Amino acid sequence: MAEERSGYGPRIAAAATALGAVLLVVAATPFLRAYADPASRRPAAAIGVDADRAGCDPELTDRISGAGLHVGPGTAEPYVTRVRYDLVPPSSGPHFVVPAPTVRRFYVTRDRPPIETLVHNLEHGYTVLWYVEPLAPDQIEALRALARTFGDDRYGGRFVVAPWDLDYGAFPAGRPLALSHWGAQAGYRQFCATVSGAAVQRFVLAHPPRDAPEPTGM
């Protein structure tokens, strides 16, 4: 019996070491995937197609409204659960009290905040890249890469990619992507046919986070 027990220690230690290695691999997997993803390490302009092949319409300039106008829970109009925006997608307008968390850059339908919440992010200087589902897997991966790239401090860190809700209106035919930004003097929108980091970069640089009604809001 003593000889049998004497083997327990080494075996337990070996099992613990193996378990620790497995847990380490599990914890490191997201970081390894991010490193292995070439799109996440490419310059923004190298993600997707060139700007001249993105099928982007001319940029639209909109009149703005709704600065500081909060509706919904926690306001004098708690019964408001939805805003009927004049523009698709909105580049300004009434919005919910609390913006979307800054830690998220990419959303899918199941976890997307309300449109009214993301409009509050627009008021704080964000650019939102909206997309209409379904999109091809390579387009989704390119959007994820853009969310990481333009969510970085190099570009001001105020960039979100989110699926559009068609109940709020349809995008033009053949244009499943739209950029929107709420500037201090005007709103801006641009529709595109396919993902182009170069086209997004041009829009983001033209409309930086500081050009907003509340650029210091979180």
Protein backbone atom coordinates (compact mmCIF):
# COMPACT_ATOMS: atom_id res chain seq x y z
CA MET A 1 0.00 0.00 0.00
CA ALA A 2 2.81 2.42 0.82
CA GLU A 3 4.34 1.84 -2.60
CA GLU A 4 0.96 2.50 -4.27
CA ARG A 5 0.43 5.72 -2.30
CA SER A 6 3.92 6.93 -3.10
CA GLY A 7 2.93 7.28 -6.78
CA TYR A 8 -0.03 9.56 -6.06
CA GLY A 9 2.04 12.71 -5.56
CA PRO A 10 3.82 12.70 -8.92
CA ARG A 11 0.60 11.77 -10.71
CA ILE A 12 -1.36 14.55 -9.03
CA ALA A 13 1.38 17.05 -9.83
CA ALA A 14 1.42 15.93 -13.46
CA ALA A 15 -2.36 16.24 -13.70
CA ALA A 16 -2.27 19.71 -12.17
CA THR A 17 0.44 20.77 -14.60
CA ALA A 18 -1.59 19.45 -17.54
CA LEU A 19 -4.73 21.21 -16.33
CA GLY A 20 -2.81 24.45 -15.89
CA ALA A 21 -1.51 24.19 -19.45
CA VAL A 22 -5.03 23.65 -20.79
CA LEU A 23 -6.37 26.67 -18.89
CA LEU A 24 -3.50 28.79 -20.16
CA VAL A 25 -4.24 27.83 -23.75
CA VAL A 26 -7.94 28.59 -23.29
CA ALA A 27 -7.19 32.00 -21.81
CA ALA A 28 -4.70 32.83 -24.53
CA THR A 29 -6.87 31.69 -27.45
CA PRO A 30 -8.56 35.08 -28.09
CA PHE A 31 -5.19 36.81 -28.14
CA LEU A 32 -3.70 34.17 -30.41
CA ARG A 33 -6.62 34.51 -32.81
CA ALA A 34 -6.27 38.28 -32.89
CA TYR A 35 -2.57 37.96 -33.61
CA ALA A 36 -3.17 35.33 -36.25
CA ASP A 37 -5.80 37.48 -37.98
CA PRO A 38 -3.91 39.32 -40.73
CA ALA A 39 -6.69 41.91 -41.12
CA SER A 40 -6.24 43.10 -37.54
CA ARG A 41 -2.58 43.94 -38.21
CA ARG A 42 -2.97 45.50 -41.64
CA PRO A 43 -3.19 49.26 -42.21
CA ALA A 44 -6.77 50.49 -42.33
CA ALA A 45 -6.57 51.22 -46.04
CA ALA A 46 -5.55 47.61 -46.73
CA ILE A 47 -8.74 46.15 -45.22
CA GLY A 48 -11.40 45.30 -47.77
CA VAL A 49 -11.30 46.79 -51.26
CA ASP A 50 -9.84 50.04 -52.50
CA ALA A 51 -12.02 53.13 -52.06
CA ASP A 52 -12.65 53.39 -55.80
CA ARG A 53 -14.09 49.84 -55.81
CA ALA A 54 -16.24 50.24 -52.69
CA GLY A 55 -19.27 51.52 -54.58
CA CYS A 56 -19.71 54.44 -52.20
CA ASP A 57 -22.27 57.12 -53.00
CA PRO A 58 -21.36 60.78 -52.60
CA GLU A 59 -21.34 61.90 -48.99
CA LEU A 60 -24.56 63.49 -47.74
CA THR A 61 -24.68 66.57 -45.49
CA ASP A 62 -27.69 66.80 -43.17
CA ARG A 63 -29.28 69.39 -40.95
CA ILE A 64 -28.88 68.39 -37.30
CA SER A 65 -31.42 68.32 -34.52
CA GLY A 66 -31.92 66.84 -31.08
CA ALA A 67 -28.72 67.95 -29.37
CA GLY A 68 -29.13 67.24 -25.66
CA LEU A 69 -32.67 65.97 -26.25
CA HIS A 70 -33.07 62.84 -24.14
CA VAL A 71 -36.17 60.66 -24.35
CA GLY A 72 -37.22 57.34 -22.88
CA PRO A 73 -36.60 55.93 -19.38
CA GLY A 74 -35.15 58.42 -16.93
CA THR A 75 -36.54 61.46 -18.76
CA ALA A 76 -39.71 63.56 -18.81
CA GLU A 77 -40.89 61.25 -21.62
CA PRO A 78 -40.40 57.78 -20.11
CA TYR A 79 -43.09 56.31 -22.37
CA VAL A 80 -40.93 56.79 -25.48
CA THR A 81 -39.49 53.45 -26.53
CA ARG A 82 -38.67 54.33 -30.09
CA VAL A 83 -37.80 57.44 -32.09
CA ARG A 84 -39.00 57.88 -35.67
CA TYR A 85 -35.96 59.41 -37.31
CA ASP A 86 -36.30 61.51 -40.44
CA LEU A 87 -33.10 60.09 -41.91
CA VAL A 88 -31.90 56.54 -42.56
CA PRO A 89 -29.60 56.04 -40.79
CA PRO A 90 -29.83 59.06 -38.47
CA SER A 91 -26.93 61.45 -38.21
CA SER A 92 -28.52 63.30 -35.27
CA GLY A 93 -31.76 63.38 -33.33
CA PRO A 94 -33.42 62.60 -29.99
CA HIS A 95 -31.81 59.73 -28.12
CA PHE A 96 -31.79 57.67 -24.95
CA VAL A 97 -30.03 58.95 -21.82
CA VAL A 98 -27.13 56.49 -21.65
CA PRO A 99 -24.79 55.87 -24.63
CA ALA A 100 -23.42 52.44 -25.49
CA PRO A 101 -20.36 51.32 -23.48
CA THR A 102 -17.02 52.40 -24.89
CA VAL A 103 -15.57 48.91 -24.42
CA ARG A 104 -17.57 47.49 -27.33
CA ARG A 105 -16.66 48.27 -30.93
CA PHE A 106 -18.49 45.57 -32.90
CA TYR A 107 -22.07 44.39 -32.49
CA VAL A 108 -24.29 41.74 -34.05
CA THR A 109 -28.08 41.73 -33.98
CA ARG A 110 -28.44 39.77 -30.75
CA ASP A 111 -26.39 42.24 -28.70
CA ARG A 112 -26.84 45.54 -30.54
CA PRO A 113 -27.94 48.45 -28.34
CA PRO A 114 -31.10 50.31 -29.38
CA ILE A 115 -30.66 52.66 -32.31
CA GLU A 116 -31.56 55.51 -29.95
CA THR A 117 -28.64 54.55 -27.70
CA LEU A 118 -26.15 54.61 -30.55
CA VAL A 119 -27.43 58.03 -31.66
CA HIS A 120 -26.28 59.26 -28.25
CA ASN A 121 -22.82 57.90 -29.14
CA LEU A 122 -22.99 59.94 -32.33
CA GLU A 123 -23.60 63.06 -30.24
CA HIS A 124 -20.36 62.28 -28.37
CA GLY A 125 -18.25 62.25 -31.53
CA TYR A 126 -18.56 58.64 -32.63
CA THR A 127 -18.76 57.50 -36.20
CA VAL A 128 -21.09 54.53 -36.58
CA LEU A 129 -20.64 52.10 -39.45
CA TRP A 130 -24.03 50.44 -39.91
CA TYR A 131 -24.45 47.24 -41.87
CA VAL A 132 -27.51 45.39 -43.13
CA GLU A 133 -27.51 41.65 -42.53
CA PRO A 134 -26.87 39.17 -43.97
CA LEU A 135 -23.35 39.90 -45.19
CA ALA A 136 -20.79 37.42 -46.51
CA PRO A 137 -18.41 36.06 -43.85
CA ASP A 138 -15.42 37.84 -45.37
CA GLN A 139 -17.29 41.15 -45.14
CA ILE A 140 -18.11 40.54 -41.48
CA GLU A 141 -14.49 39.74 -40.69
CA ALA A 142 -13.40 42.90 -42.48
CA LEU A 143 -15.90 44.89 -40.40
CA ARG A 144 -14.51 43.34 -37.21
CA ALA A 145 -11.02 44.38 -38.28
CA LEU A 146 -12.21 47.92 -38.98
CA ALA A 147 -13.85 48.08 -35.55
CA ARG A 148 -10.53 47.18 -33.93
CA THR A 149 -8.55 49.56 -36.11
CA PHE A 150 -10.72 52.66 -35.87
CA GLY A 151 -11.59 51.99 -32.23
CA ASP A 152 -7.91 52.56 -31.50
CA ASP A 153 -6.68 55.82 -29.98
CA ARG A 154 -4.84 56.64 -33.19
CA TYR A 155 -8.22 57.56 -34.68
CA GLY A 156 -9.72 59.01 -31.52
CA GLY A 157 -11.19 55.72 -30.30
CA ARG A 158 -14.79 56.67 -31.13
CA PHE A 159 -15.96 54.20 -33.72
CA VAL A 160 -18.65 51.54 -33.60
CA VAL A 161 -19.81 48.92 -36.09
CA ALA A 162 -23.42 47.83 -35.61
CA PRO A 163 -26.17 46.10 -37.60
CA TRP A 164 -28.95 48.34 -38.82
CA ASP A 165 -32.57 47.67 -37.84
CA LEU A 166 -34.66 47.65 -41.02
CA ASP A 167 -37.76 48.53 -38.99
CA TYR A 168 -36.31 52.05 -38.94
CA GLY A 169 -36.14 52.20 -42.74
CA ALA A 170 -34.31 50.66 -45.68
CA PHE A 171 -30.94 51.53 -47.12
CA PRO A 172 -30.69 52.22 -50.88
CA ALA A 173 -30.65 49.09 -53.03
CA GLY A 174 -27.21 47.55 -53.31
CA ARG A 175 -25.87 49.62 -50.42
CA PRO A 176 -25.76 47.44 -47.27
CA LEU A 177 -23.26 49.74 -45.49
CA ALA A 178 -23.63 53.27 -44.19
CA LEU A 179 -21.42 55.62 -42.19
CA SER A 180 -22.93 58.35 -40.04
CA HIS A 181 -21.43 61.13 -37.93
CA TRP A 182 -23.04 63.93 -35.92
CA GLY A 183 -20.94 67.05 -36.40
CA ALA A 184 -21.15 70.29 -34.48
CA GLN A 185 -22.69 72.10 -37.47
CA ALA A 186 -24.06 69.30 -39.66
CA GLY A 187 -24.62 65.58 -39.88
CA TYR A 188 -22.87 63.38 -42.41
CA ARG A 189 -23.79 60.07 -44.05
CA GLN A 190 -22.33 57.89 -46.77
CA PHE A 191 -23.62 54.62 -48.24
CA CYS A 192 -21.29 51.96 -49.66
CA ALA A 193 -21.67 48.65 -51.48
CA THR A 194 -18.76 46.76 -49.95
CA VAL A 195 -16.29 47.10 -47.10
CA SER A 196 -13.39 49.42 -47.76
CA GLY A 197 -10.97 50.47 -45.05
CA ALA A 198 -9.75 53.26 -47.31
CA ALA A 199 -13.26 54.68 -47.71
CA VAL A 200 -13.91 54.44 -43.98
CA GLN A 201 -10.57 56.06 -43.19
CA ARG A 202 -11.38 58.97 -45.49
CA PHE A 203 -14.75 59.51 -43.77
CA VAL A 204 -13.34 59.20 -40.22
CA LEU A 205 -10.48 61.61 -40.88
CA ALA A 206 -12.86 64.12 -42.45
CA HIS A 207 -15.14 63.94 -39.40
CA PRO A 208 -13.00 63.46 -36.27
CA PRO A 209 -14.44 62.90 -32.77
CA ARG A 210 -13.78 66.51 -31.78
CA ASP A 211 -16.34 67.63 -34.39
CA ALA A 212 -19.43 66.83 -32.35
CA PRO A 213 -21.99 68.57 -30.13
CA GLU A 214 -20.55 66.88 -27.03
CA PRO A 215 -17.04 65.72 -27.90
CA THR A 216 -16.02 65.21 -24.27
CA GLY A 217 -19.00 62.99 -23.40
CA MET A 218 -18.31 59.33 -22.80
